[in-house]
Amino acid sequence: MFKEGITTQNQQINLSILEEKGVELFVKREDAIHPFVSGNKFRKLKYNLQEAQKLKKKILLTFGGAFSNHIVATAVAGKKSGFKTIGVIRGEELGLNIKETLKNNATLREAHENGMHFQFVPRDVYRQKTSFGFIEKLKNRWGDFYLIPEGGTNCLAVDGCQEILTEEDSQFNYICSAVGTGGTIAGLVNSAKKNQKILGFPALKAYSLADDIKKYTTRNDNWKLQKKYHFGGYGKYNEELISFINQFKEETSIPLDPVYTGKMLFGVLDLVGKDYFEKGSKILVIHTGGLQGIDGVNAQLKTKNKELILV
């Protein structure tokens, strides 16, 4: 599934606030690449899986939380490419009753149905995931695997994310993206034209995030992080965000997720309202997918008798 280059469409957004402020907004529909290996996950995995094949590895191993888009994307892409996949999952309690976990967790269930094997680990152990000792223990258990970092970000992932922007996109003044581990924005920074500014919207509280991004960027004069739109941290959301996501879907037909793209577009439109963008600006936001995570959030909202996210 990674042999050919893929380009995605830019969909213009028509909202009264955009007309009032005199700016144009487009969404690059990276979410349309694949239901599970979509958006930045496709871009990040592309060259990593090609490298694993070149090294003649048979196993992919990676890390993630219970609702990780990266986990399910690795499982699906690995199966399609002929790999055995291992997911090291944060939270050993999830493995105590695996049947119940899979019943209640659509993300892990989809990964499992695509052949992924799980190792559930305590949270304190999970924090050691990059240590030599922990990696050696994993090798002793699972064999000679190809390691993909949590979230998929490494140099090969950044190379893949550099392919998101095309020549057609040179017309835009601003490129906006949600930020998790930093690989996607690093790719955008490296491939942007000289006149373009890159705005990142972190989905989590990560004070070292800028330093993490700089490890992969060739430029540091064309990007900025907008840190006020994380809604309390990774995986956090409130009624205002859910209502925004549903209103945006009703007005544009574009679904958003509450972990990444919902927060980013909330931030972009808030900045539009505050005249952050000059009149006449053309803005392109990258839809990085992640829509499969909506099921898990809706399950939580349902137990609280709250408004569900439209899908």
Foldseek 3Di string as FASTA:
>chain_A
DQPDDDAFDWAWADDPLCVVLQETETEGPQQPPDVQCGFLNVLLVNVLVVVCVVVVFQEEEEEDELLDSNLLNCLQVQLVSRHQYEYEYEDCVCVPCVVVNLVQRVSVVNSVVSRYHYHYDYNVVVVCVVPPVVVVVVCVVPNDHRYAYVVSDDQSSLVSLLSHDDPVPLVAQEEEFEDEQQSNQQSCQANHDPNHAYEYEYLADDPCSVVSNVVRHPDDPRYDYDDPQNCHGAPHDDQVLLVQQQVSCVRRVDHAASRTPSSRVVVVSVCSNVCVDHNNGYYYYYRRHSVSSLSNVQVVCVVVVHDGHDD
